[in-house]
N, C-alpha and C. Protein backbone atom coordinates (compact mmCIF):
# COMPACT_ATOMS: atom_id res chain seq x y z
N UNK A 1 41.71 -26.65 -0.23
CA UNK A 1 40.44 -26.11 0.09
C UNK A 1 39.89 -26.12 1.88
N UNK A 2 41.12 -25.55 2.53
CA UNK A 2 40.81 -25.58 3.95
C UNK A 2 41.19 -26.73 4.44
N UNK A 3 41.75 -27.71 4.12
CA UNK A 3 42.02 -29.09 4.82
C UNK A 3 40.99 -30.14 4.75
N UNK A 4 39.69 -29.56 4.25
CA UNK A 4 38.34 -30.36 3.94
C UNK A 4 38.36 -31.29 2.89
N UNK A 5 38.13 -32.75 3.18
CA UNK A 5 38.35 -33.34 1.88
C UNK A 5 37.40 -32.62 0.73
N UNK A 6 37.72 -32.99 -0.65
CA UNK A 6 37.19 -32.40 -1.35
C UNK A 6 35.56 -33.14 -1.59
N UNK A 7 35.66 -34.48 -1.35
CA UNK A 7 34.61 -35.33 -1.53
C UNK A 7 33.33 -34.73 -0.54
N UNK A 8 33.54 -34.12 0.64
CA UNK A 8 32.56 -33.60 1.37
C UNK A 8 32.31 -32.17 1.01
N UNK A 9 32.87 -31.38 0.20
CA UNK A 9 32.64 -29.86 -0.17
C UNK A 9 31.06 -29.92 -0.50
N UNK A 10 30.60 -28.71 -0.70
CA UNK A 10 29.23 -28.62 -1.34
C UNK A 10 29.10 -27.73 -2.43
N UNK A 11 28.23 -28.21 -3.39
CA UNK A 11 27.94 -27.67 -4.56
C UNK A 11 26.24 -27.86 -4.59
N UNK A 12 25.31 -27.03 -4.87
CA UNK A 12 24.06 -27.05 -5.04
C UNK A 12 23.38 -27.90 -4.02
N UNK A 13 23.97 -27.81 -2.66
CA UNK A 13 23.16 -28.54 -1.82
C UNK A 13 23.75 -29.93 -1.38
N UNK A 14 24.60 -30.26 -2.36
CA UNK A 14 24.96 -31.93 -2.17
C UNK A 14 26.51 -31.69 -2.24
N UNK A 15 27.01 -32.61 -1.64
CA UNK A 15 28.68 -32.87 -1.58
C UNK A 15 29.00 -33.38 -2.90
N UNK A 16 30.27 -33.10 -3.26
CA UNK A 16 30.98 -33.39 -4.36
C UNK A 16 30.77 -34.80 -4.60
N UNK A 17 31.02 -35.71 -3.53
CA UNK A 17 30.78 -37.20 -3.74
C UNK A 17 29.45 -37.46 -4.15
N UNK A 18 28.28 -36.97 -3.53
CA UNK A 18 26.83 -37.01 -3.93
C UNK A 18 26.74 -36.61 -5.47
N UNK A 19 27.22 -35.57 -5.77
CA UNK A 19 27.14 -35.12 -7.05
C UNK A 19 27.73 -36.21 -8.02
N UNK A 20 29.02 -36.65 -8.08
CA UNK A 20 29.84 -37.55 -8.73
C UNK A 20 29.03 -38.85 -8.77
N UNK A 21 28.74 -39.62 -7.69
CA UNK A 21 27.91 -40.79 -7.66
C UNK A 21 26.55 -40.66 -8.46
N UNK A 22 26.08 -39.55 -8.14
CA UNK A 22 24.48 -39.32 -9.29
C UNK A 22 24.95 -39.16 -10.42
N UNK A 23 25.98 -38.37 -11.03
CA UNK A 23 26.37 -38.38 -12.38
C UNK A 23 26.64 -39.93 -13.03
N UNK A 24 27.53 -40.53 -12.05
CA UNK A 24 27.97 -41.98 -12.47
C UNK A 24 26.72 -42.72 -12.90
N UNK A 25 25.66 -42.84 -11.75
CA UNK A 25 24.57 -43.54 -11.95
C UNK A 25 23.74 -43.33 -12.99
N UNK A 26 23.68 -42.02 -13.24
CA UNK A 26 22.76 -41.43 -14.17
C UNK A 26 23.19 -41.81 -15.60
N UNK A 27 24.49 -41.72 -15.72
CA UNK A 27 25.31 -42.09 -17.05
C UNK A 27 25.16 -43.30 -17.49
N UNK A 28 25.11 -44.35 -16.28
CA UNK A 28 24.94 -45.69 -16.76
C UNK A 28 26.28 -46.61 -15.91
N UNK A 29 26.84 -46.14 -15.10
CA UNK A 29 27.82 -47.13 -14.29
C UNK A 29 27.05 -47.97 -13.25
N UNK A 30 27.31 -49.05 -13.65
CA UNK A 30 26.71 -50.11 -12.56
C UNK A 30 26.90 -50.25 -11.18
N UNK A 31 28.22 -49.96 -11.03
CA UNK A 31 28.75 -49.99 -9.71
C UNK A 31 29.56 -49.13 -9.49
N UNK A 32 30.10 -48.63 -8.29
CA UNK A 32 30.72 -47.35 -8.05
C UNK A 32 31.53 -47.60 -6.65
N UNK A 33 33.10 -47.14 -6.74
CA UNK A 33 33.93 -47.67 -5.73
C UNK A 33 34.70 -46.02 -5.58
N UNK A 34 34.79 -45.72 -4.47
CA UNK A 34 35.06 -44.24 -3.61
C UNK A 34 36.91 -44.53 -3.36
N UNK A 35 37.69 -44.03 -3.89
CA UNK A 35 38.89 -44.24 -3.30
C UNK A 35 38.90 -43.02 -2.28
N UNK A 36 39.57 -43.45 -1.10
CA UNK A 36 39.44 -42.59 0.02
C UNK A 36 40.76 -42.56 0.69
N UNK A 37 41.40 -41.67 1.47
CA UNK A 37 42.20 -41.39 2.53
C UNK A 37 42.13 -42.64 3.45
N UNK A 38 43.04 -43.27 3.87
CA UNK A 38 42.75 -44.48 5.05
C UNK A 38 41.67 -44.04 6.10
N UNK A 39 41.80 -42.95 6.88
CA UNK A 39 41.11 -42.69 7.95
C UNK A 39 39.96 -41.61 7.73
N UNK A 40 39.63 -41.39 6.53
CA UNK A 40 38.60 -40.37 6.15
C UNK A 40 37.24 -40.77 6.52
N UNK A 41 36.81 -40.83 7.71
CA UNK A 41 35.89 -41.16 8.34
C UNK A 41 34.40 -41.07 7.61
N UNK A 42 34.45 -39.36 7.68
CA UNK A 42 33.30 -39.07 7.21
C UNK A 42 32.73 -39.38 5.53
N UNK A 43 34.06 -39.24 4.78
CA UNK A 43 34.07 -39.89 3.37
C UNK A 43 33.55 -41.23 3.29
N UNK A 44 34.32 -42.22 4.42
CA UNK A 44 33.78 -43.34 4.21
C UNK A 44 32.36 -43.55 4.44
N UNK A 45 31.93 -42.98 5.51
CA UNK A 45 30.27 -42.88 6.00
C UNK A 45 29.50 -42.58 4.89
N UNK A 46 29.88 -41.57 4.25
CA UNK A 46 28.91 -40.96 3.02
C UNK A 46 29.06 -41.97 1.97
N UNK A 47 30.36 -42.65 1.45
CA UNK A 47 30.33 -43.54 0.56
C UNK A 47 29.04 -45.00 0.89
N UNK A 48 29.47 -45.18 2.20
CA UNK A 48 28.76 -46.18 2.70
C UNK A 48 26.94 -46.03 2.62
N UNK A 49 26.69 -44.65 2.92
CA UNK A 49 25.19 -44.18 2.64
C UNK A 49 24.78 -44.10 1.53
N UNK A 50 25.70 -43.67 0.41
CA UNK A 50 25.39 -43.71 -1.22
C UNK A 50 25.41 -44.97 -1.80
N UNK A 51 25.77 -46.21 -0.91
CA UNK A 51 25.84 -47.64 -1.52
C UNK A 51 27.06 -47.71 -2.48
N UNK A 52 28.34 -47.06 -2.04
CA UNK A 52 29.31 -46.92 -2.64
C UNK A 52 30.47 -47.79 -1.86
N UNK A 53 31.15 -48.77 -2.30
CA UNK A 53 32.11 -49.29 -1.75
C UNK A 53 33.46 -48.26 -1.50
N UNK A 54 33.84 -47.75 -0.35
CA UNK A 54 35.27 -47.32 0.11
C UNK A 54 36.17 -47.93 -0.24
N UNK A 55 37.31 -47.41 -0.55
CA UNK A 55 38.43 -48.17 -1.00
C UNK A 55 39.69 -47.26 -0.58
N UNK A 56 40.02 -47.41 0.44
CA UNK A 56 41.30 -46.74 1.16
C UNK A 56 42.64 -46.60 0.36
N UNK A 57 43.34 -45.65 0.25
CA UNK A 57 44.36 -45.78 -0.56
C UNK A 57 45.31 -45.42 0.88
N UNK A 58 46.35 -46.15 1.32
CA UNK A 58 47.11 -46.15 2.15
C UNK A 58 48.36 -45.02 1.91
N UNK A 59 48.54 -44.60 0.78
CA UNK A 59 49.65 -43.63 0.45
C UNK A 59 48.90 -42.78 -0.62
N UNK A 60 48.06 -41.83 -0.45
CA UNK A 60 47.62 -40.93 -1.63
C UNK A 60 48.57 -39.94 -1.81
N UNK A 61 49.62 -39.58 -1.37
CA UNK A 61 50.58 -38.84 -1.63
C UNK A 61 51.17 -39.05 -2.94
N UNK A 62 51.47 -40.30 -3.06
CA UNK A 62 51.87 -40.83 -4.40
C UNK A 62 51.34 -40.22 -5.79
N UNK A 63 50.03 -39.90 -5.67
CA UNK A 63 49.63 -39.00 -6.84
C UNK A 63 47.97 -39.67 -7.23
N UNK A 64 47.45 -39.04 -8.05
CA UNK A 64 46.05 -39.63 -8.64
C UNK A 64 46.32 -40.99 -8.88
N UNK A 65 47.15 -41.38 -9.78
CA UNK A 65 47.33 -42.71 -10.52
C UNK A 65 47.12 -43.56 -9.21
N UNK A 66 47.95 -43.53 -8.28
CA UNK A 66 47.86 -44.65 -7.33
C UNK A 66 46.51 -44.89 -6.73
N UNK A 67 45.63 -43.83 -6.66
CA UNK A 67 44.25 -43.91 -6.18
C UNK A 67 43.50 -44.56 -7.37
N UNK A 68 43.76 -44.38 -8.70
CA UNK A 68 43.07 -44.82 -9.76
C UNK A 68 43.41 -46.48 -9.69
N UNK A 69 44.52 -46.82 -9.63
CA UNK A 69 44.89 -48.16 -9.56
C UNK A 69 44.37 -49.08 -8.55
N UNK A 70 44.32 -48.18 -7.16
CA UNK A 70 43.44 -48.85 -5.96
C UNK A 70 42.05 -49.13 -6.28
N UNK A 71 41.26 -48.05 -6.77
CA UNK A 71 39.77 -48.41 -7.47
C UNK A 71 39.78 -49.51 -8.52
N UNK A 72 40.55 -49.29 -9.52
CA UNK A 72 40.81 -50.40 -10.42
C UNK A 72 40.99 -51.97 -9.86
N UNK A 73 42.02 -51.97 -9.11
CA UNK A 73 42.07 -53.20 -8.26
C UNK A 73 40.80 -53.74 -7.71
N UNK A 74 40.40 -52.80 -6.59
CA UNK A 74 39.09 -53.34 -6.08
C UNK A 74 38.11 -53.85 -7.03
N UNK A 75 37.85 -52.89 -8.09
CA UNK A 75 36.58 -53.06 -9.09
C UNK A 75 37.21 -54.44 -9.88
N UNK A 76 38.01 -54.73 -10.40
CA UNK A 76 38.66 -56.13 -11.01
C UNK A 76 38.42 -57.18 -10.02
N UNK A 77 38.80 -56.86 -8.98
CA UNK A 77 38.68 -58.00 -8.14
C UNK A 77 37.19 -58.51 -7.80
N UNK A 78 36.34 -57.72 -7.71
CA UNK A 78 35.09 -58.06 -7.31
C UNK A 78 34.35 -58.56 -8.50
N UNK A 79 34.39 -58.15 -9.74
CA UNK A 79 33.74 -58.69 -10.81
C UNK A 79 34.55 -58.51 -12.12
N UNK A 80 35.18 -59.71 -12.35
CA UNK A 80 36.14 -59.58 -13.64
C UNK A 80 35.34 -59.30 -14.95
N UNK A 81 33.98 -59.52 -14.88
CA UNK A 81 33.23 -59.34 -15.93
C UNK A 81 32.78 -57.77 -16.76
N UNK A 82 33.31 -57.01 -15.87
CA UNK A 82 33.25 -55.60 -16.49
C UNK A 82 34.06 -55.45 -17.29
N UNK A 83 33.33 -54.80 -18.49
CA UNK A 83 33.79 -54.43 -19.89
C UNK A 83 34.75 -53.14 -19.83
N UNK A 84 34.51 -52.21 -18.87
CA UNK A 84 35.25 -50.94 -18.63
C UNK A 84 35.00 -50.31 -17.23
N UNK A 85 35.60 -49.14 -17.12
CA UNK A 85 35.69 -48.36 -15.78
C UNK A 85 35.84 -46.84 -16.38
N UNK A 86 35.12 -46.38 -15.77
CA UNK A 86 35.11 -44.62 -15.56
C UNK A 86 35.91 -44.30 -14.32
N UNK A 87 37.11 -43.67 -14.76
CA UNK A 87 37.88 -43.01 -13.66
C UNK A 87 37.45 -41.65 -13.39
N UNK A 88 36.84 -41.07 -12.24
CA UNK A 88 36.13 -39.74 -12.04
C UNK A 88 36.69 -38.90 -11.05
N UNK A 89 37.72 -38.11 -11.39
CA UNK A 89 38.23 -37.18 -10.12
C UNK A 89 36.90 -36.69 -9.43
N UNK A 90 36.97 -36.81 -8.16
CA UNK A 90 35.76 -35.98 -7.54
C UNK A 90 35.68 -34.70 -7.42
N UNK A 91 37.08 -33.90 -7.95
CA UNK A 91 36.88 -32.68 -7.97
C UNK A 91 36.50 -31.95 -9.26
N UNK A 92 35.49 -32.91 -10.18
CA UNK A 92 34.93 -32.41 -11.36
C UNK A 92 33.31 -32.53 -11.08
N UNK A 93 32.96 -31.92 -10.09
CA UNK A 93 31.48 -32.34 -9.94
C UNK A 93 30.48 -31.72 -10.68
N UNK A 94 30.77 -30.98 -11.60
CA UNK A 94 29.72 -30.32 -12.30
C UNK A 94 29.51 -31.08 -13.54
N UNK A 95 30.16 -31.93 -14.06
CA UNK A 95 30.09 -33.16 -15.02
C UNK A 95 28.77 -33.56 -15.37
N UNK A 96 28.15 -33.46 -16.54
CA UNK A 96 27.12 -34.13 -16.60
C UNK A 96 27.04 -35.61 -16.99
N UNK A 97 25.67 -36.18 -16.62
CA UNK A 97 25.62 -37.63 -16.65
C UNK A 97 25.71 -37.90 -18.25
N UNK A 98 25.06 -37.15 -19.15
CA UNK A 98 24.97 -37.46 -20.55
C UNK A 98 26.68 -37.69 -21.04
N UNK A 99 27.72 -37.00 -20.52
CA UNK A 99 29.12 -37.07 -20.84
C UNK A 99 29.45 -38.41 -20.15
N UNK A 100 29.14 -39.12 -19.07
CA UNK A 100 29.36 -40.12 -18.87
C UNK A 100 28.74 -41.23 -19.76
N UNK A 101 27.53 -41.00 -20.32
CA UNK A 101 27.05 -41.98 -20.88
C UNK A 101 27.67 -42.21 -22.07
N UNK A 102 28.06 -40.73 -22.83
CA UNK A 102 28.78 -40.87 -24.23
C UNK A 102 30.17 -41.49 -23.89
N UNK A 103 31.07 -41.36 -22.92
CA UNK A 103 32.18 -42.18 -22.70
C UNK A 103 31.79 -43.71 -22.41
N UNK A 104 31.01 -44.00 -21.92
CA UNK A 104 30.63 -45.45 -21.89
C UNK A 104 30.30 -46.00 -23.42
N UNK A 105 29.47 -45.43 -23.95
CA UNK A 105 29.04 -46.08 -25.21
C UNK A 105 30.37 -46.22 -26.30
N UNK A 106 31.09 -44.90 -26.45
CA UNK A 106 32.34 -44.98 -27.27
C UNK A 106 33.33 -45.98 -26.61
N UNK A 107 33.48 -46.16 -25.36
CA UNK A 107 34.43 -47.26 -24.81
C UNK A 107 33.95 -48.52 -25.13
N UNK A 108 32.55 -48.81 -25.03
CA UNK A 108 32.04 -50.17 -25.32
C UNK A 108 32.51 -50.52 -27.08
N UNK A 109 32.56 -49.51 -27.86
CA UNK A 109 33.00 -49.60 -29.09
C UNK A 109 34.23 -49.77 -29.56
N UNK A 110 35.02 -49.28 -28.33
CA UNK A 110 36.52 -49.10 -28.73
C UNK A 110 37.47 -50.57 -28.52
N UNK A 111 38.64 -50.52 -29.15
CA UNK A 111 39.36 -51.92 -28.93
C UNK A 111 39.77 -52.15 -27.73
N UNK A 112 39.94 -53.23 -27.51
CA UNK A 112 40.35 -53.89 -25.92
C UNK A 112 41.37 -53.00 -25.36
N UNK A 113 42.34 -52.62 -25.77
CA UNK A 113 43.30 -51.78 -25.19
C UNK A 113 43.42 -50.31 -25.38
N UNK A 114 42.24 -49.66 -24.96
CA UNK A 114 42.14 -48.40 -25.21
C UNK A 114 41.51 -47.51 -23.96
N UNK A 115 41.21 -46.17 -24.05
CA UNK A 115 40.75 -45.43 -22.91
C UNK A 115 40.14 -44.04 -23.93
N UNK A 116 39.27 -43.63 -23.27
CA UNK A 116 38.48 -42.40 -23.94
C UNK A 116 38.64 -41.29 -22.98
N UNK A 117 38.65 -40.09 -23.96
CA UNK A 117 38.45 -38.94 -22.88
C UNK A 117 37.74 -37.99 -23.34
N UNK A 118 36.99 -37.15 -22.77
CA UNK A 118 36.04 -36.30 -23.18
C UNK A 118 36.72 -34.83 -23.71
N UNK A 119 36.24 -34.42 -24.82
CA UNK A 119 36.97 -33.09 -25.15
C UNK A 119 35.91 -32.06 -25.77
N UNK A 120 36.14 -30.84 -25.10
CA UNK A 120 35.30 -29.96 -25.16
C UNK A 120 36.05 -28.65 -25.90
N UNK A 121 35.53 -28.28 -27.26
CA UNK A 121 36.25 -27.11 -27.84
C UNK A 121 37.81 -27.31 -28.01
N UNK A 122 38.07 -28.43 -28.32
CA UNK A 122 39.78 -28.83 -28.35
C UNK A 122 40.40 -28.89 -27.23
N UNK A 123 39.84 -29.10 -25.92
CA UNK A 123 40.69 -29.28 -24.86
C UNK A 123 39.89 -30.52 -24.37
N UNK A 124 41.04 -31.43 -23.78
CA UNK A 124 40.46 -32.47 -23.02
C UNK A 124 40.38 -32.44 -21.78
N UNK A 125 39.87 -33.37 -20.93
CA UNK A 125 39.15 -33.18 -19.64
C UNK A 125 38.97 -34.54 -18.83
N UNK A 126 38.17 -34.61 -17.94
CA UNK A 126 37.80 -35.61 -17.07
C UNK A 126 36.32 -35.44 -17.08
N UNK A 127 35.69 -36.87 -16.55
CA UNK A 127 36.63 -38.21 -16.19
C UNK A 127 36.86 -38.96 -17.73
N UNK A 128 37.61 -40.29 -17.34
CA UNK A 128 38.01 -40.87 -18.71
C UNK A 128 37.32 -42.14 -18.59
N UNK A 129 37.59 -42.77 -19.65
CA UNK A 129 36.75 -44.33 -19.39
C UNK A 129 38.15 -45.09 -19.95
N UNK A 130 38.14 -46.43 -19.22
CA UNK A 130 39.18 -47.26 -19.62
C UNK A 130 38.67 -48.72 -19.83
N UNK A 131 38.74 -49.48 -21.08
CA UNK A 131 38.62 -50.67 -21.27
C UNK A 131 39.10 -51.43 -20.02
N UNK A 132 38.23 -52.70 -19.89
CA UNK A 132 38.74 -53.84 -18.86
C UNK A 132 40.40 -54.16 -19.20
N UNK A 133 40.53 -54.63 -20.44
CA UNK A 133 41.82 -54.97 -20.62
C UNK A 133 42.83 -53.67 -20.49
N UNK A 134 42.22 -52.49 -20.84
CA UNK A 134 43.35 -51.39 -20.74
C UNK A 134 43.68 -51.38 -19.10
N UNK A 135 42.37 -51.33 -18.38
CA UNK A 135 42.71 -51.22 -16.83
C UNK A 135 43.52 -52.38 -16.00
N UNK A 136 43.53 -53.46 -16.71
CA UNK A 136 44.51 -54.65 -16.40
C UNK A 136 45.90 -54.15 -16.51
N UNK A 137 45.79 -53.29 -17.63
CA UNK A 137 47.42 -52.90 -17.97
C UNK A 137 47.83 -52.03 -17.01
N UNK A 138 47.26 -51.39 -16.58
CA UNK A 138 47.52 -50.23 -15.66
C UNK A 138 47.80 -50.76 -14.16
N UNK A 139 47.38 -51.83 -13.71
CA UNK A 139 47.70 -52.40 -12.48
C UNK A 139 48.78 -52.61 -12.06
N UNK A 140 49.79 -52.79 -13.12
CA UNK A 140 51.39 -53.15 -12.64
C UNK A 140 52.42 -52.00 -12.90
N UNK A 141 51.84 -50.84 -13.29
CA UNK A 141 52.84 -49.74 -13.57
C UNK A 141 53.23 -49.11 -12.27
N UNK A 142 54.01 -48.39 -12.19
CA UNK A 142 54.57 -47.40 -11.11
C UNK A 142 53.60 -46.56 -10.79
N UNK A 143 53.19 -46.69 -9.39
CA UNK A 143 52.03 -45.74 -8.98
C UNK A 143 52.14 -44.37 -8.89
N UNK A 144 53.69 -44.31 -9.18
CA UNK A 144 53.85 -42.38 -8.82
C UNK A 144 53.95 -41.99 -10.36
N UNK A 145 53.67 -42.58 -11.56
CA UNK A 145 53.34 -41.87 -12.65
C UNK A 145 51.99 -41.12 -12.40
N UNK A 146 52.04 -40.26 -13.63
CA UNK A 146 50.72 -39.52 -13.38
C UNK A 146 49.99 -40.36 -14.19
N UNK A 147 48.58 -40.12 -14.24
CA UNK A 147 47.78 -40.92 -14.95
C UNK A 147 48.01 -40.65 -16.35
N UNK A 148 48.31 -39.77 -16.94
CA UNK A 148 48.89 -39.64 -18.46
C UNK A 148 49.78 -40.37 -18.82
N UNK A 149 51.12 -40.44 -17.85
CA UNK A 149 52.16 -41.13 -18.31
C UNK A 149 51.57 -42.76 -18.05
N UNK A 150 50.80 -43.16 -17.01
CA UNK A 150 50.54 -44.57 -17.20
C UNK A 150 49.75 -45.11 -18.35
N UNK A 151 48.87 -44.23 -18.99
CA UNK A 151 48.19 -44.46 -19.95
C UNK A 151 49.01 -44.73 -21.23
N UNK A 152 50.31 -43.81 -21.58
CA UNK A 152 50.98 -43.77 -22.58
C UNK A 152 51.81 -45.28 -22.25
N UNK A 153 52.25 -45.33 -21.18
CA UNK A 153 53.35 -46.44 -20.74
C UNK A 153 52.45 -47.57 -21.08
N UNK A 154 51.41 -48.03 -20.47
CA UNK A 154 50.45 -49.05 -20.92
C UNK A 154 50.42 -49.51 -22.53
N UNK A 155 50.78 -48.27 -23.21
CA UNK A 155 50.33 -48.50 -24.61
C UNK A 155 49.13 -48.46 -24.96
N UNK A 156 47.98 -47.74 -24.13
CA UNK A 156 46.62 -47.87 -24.49
C UNK A 156 46.29 -46.65 -25.74
N UNK A 157 45.45 -47.10 -26.62
CA UNK A 157 45.02 -46.50 -27.60
C UNK A 157 43.99 -45.32 -27.17
N UNK A 158 44.39 -43.98 -27.49
CA UNK A 158 43.60 -42.94 -26.84
C UNK A 158 42.34 -42.68 -27.73
N UNK A 159 41.21 -42.38 -27.46
CA UNK A 159 40.25 -41.77 -28.07
C UNK A 159 39.80 -40.49 -27.59
N UNK A 160 39.34 -39.29 -28.29
CA UNK A 160 38.80 -38.16 -27.66
C UNK A 160 37.35 -38.22 -28.01
N UNK A 161 36.41 -37.93 -27.06
CA UNK A 161 34.80 -38.28 -27.39
C UNK A 161 34.41 -36.47 -27.30
N UNK A 162 34.28 -36.05 -28.26
CA UNK A 162 33.64 -34.55 -28.32
C UNK A 162 32.35 -34.72 -27.65
N UNK A 163 32.31 -33.58 -26.67
CA UNK A 163 31.08 -33.54 -25.59
C UNK A 163 31.02 -31.86 -25.70
N UNK A 164 29.57 -31.61 -25.10
CA UNK A 164 29.10 -30.34 -25.05
C UNK A 164 28.75 -30.10 -23.61
N UNK A 165 30.00 -30.41 -22.88
CA UNK A 165 30.06 -30.06 -21.45
C UNK A 165 31.24 -29.42 -21.10
N UNK A 166 31.26 -28.15 -20.84
CA UNK A 166 32.46 -27.59 -20.63
C UNK A 166 33.19 -28.03 -19.08
N UNK A 167 31.91 -28.49 -18.44
CA UNK A 167 32.57 -29.10 -16.85
C UNK A 167 33.76 -29.79 -17.21
N UNK A 168 33.70 -30.75 -18.00
CA UNK A 168 35.00 -31.53 -18.06
C UNK A 168 36.39 -30.88 -17.79
N UNK A 169 36.42 -29.87 -18.02
CA UNK A 169 37.38 -28.81 -17.90
C UNK A 169 37.87 -28.26 -16.88
N UNK A 170 36.64 -28.09 -15.68
CA UNK A 170 36.72 -27.51 -14.48
C UNK A 170 36.86 -28.46 -13.32
N UNK A 171 38.00 -28.02 -13.02
CA UNK A 171 38.67 -28.68 -11.93
C UNK A 171 38.58 -28.00 -10.51
N UNK A 172 37.87 -28.31 -9.49
CA UNK A 172 37.87 -27.50 -8.66
C UNK A 172 38.78 -27.50 -7.49
N UNK A 173 39.97 -26.74 -7.30
CA UNK A 173 40.97 -26.90 -6.42
C UNK A 173 40.95 -25.84 -5.32
N UNK A 174 40.44 -24.78 -5.78
CA UNK A 174 40.35 -23.38 -4.66
C UNK A 174 39.04 -23.12 -4.52
N UNK A 175 38.80 -22.12 -3.27
CA UNK A 175 37.38 -21.80 -3.06
C UNK A 175 37.18 -20.73 -4.33
N UNK A 176 37.76 -20.15 -4.90
CA UNK A 176 37.58 -19.54 -6.15
C UNK A 176 36.84 -20.32 -7.23
N UNK A 177 37.25 -21.38 -7.35
CA UNK A 177 36.90 -22.32 -8.45
C UNK A 177 35.29 -22.87 -8.40
N UNK A 178 34.92 -22.80 -7.02
CA UNK A 178 33.38 -23.01 -6.87
C UNK A 178 32.64 -21.84 -7.05
N UNK A 179 33.11 -20.77 -7.13
CA UNK A 179 32.13 -19.69 -7.26
C UNK A 179 31.78 -19.67 -9.25
């Protein structure tokens, strides 16, 4: 995306981070952590302005799962009473808040060691939800695993939540994806 952090890209007059934070809040997330690159000052300032805790990942090149671990570790350390967590890649800014609400509802009814994923017309997407026990199981795994490998390695029970939101499949990685 031209070297610009995805969190700062614009969609409908708002940054991706603003979009995702709004979606999470409207969907029922109590608190939000944004995992950033260590010196992503603009992203950190925006997170602060949005009342979101910025959590630096000192080695983001290890992959998305290393960032998920950083965020989960920060969230679990702050308040061990959470029942679950939504892992929401910032490059899915069009996901609807009702999708997040559906994930949370199903996650709250799921077994302790499980995770939920939205499904649209037979395809699975993002964001995902992980129960608190499931999240703790992810913390000790190799940070270089993919998220999918980590969920399997931890032995978490998967649940697909059918949603009417095609945006769960839309990963914005190129300028053409924004159009």
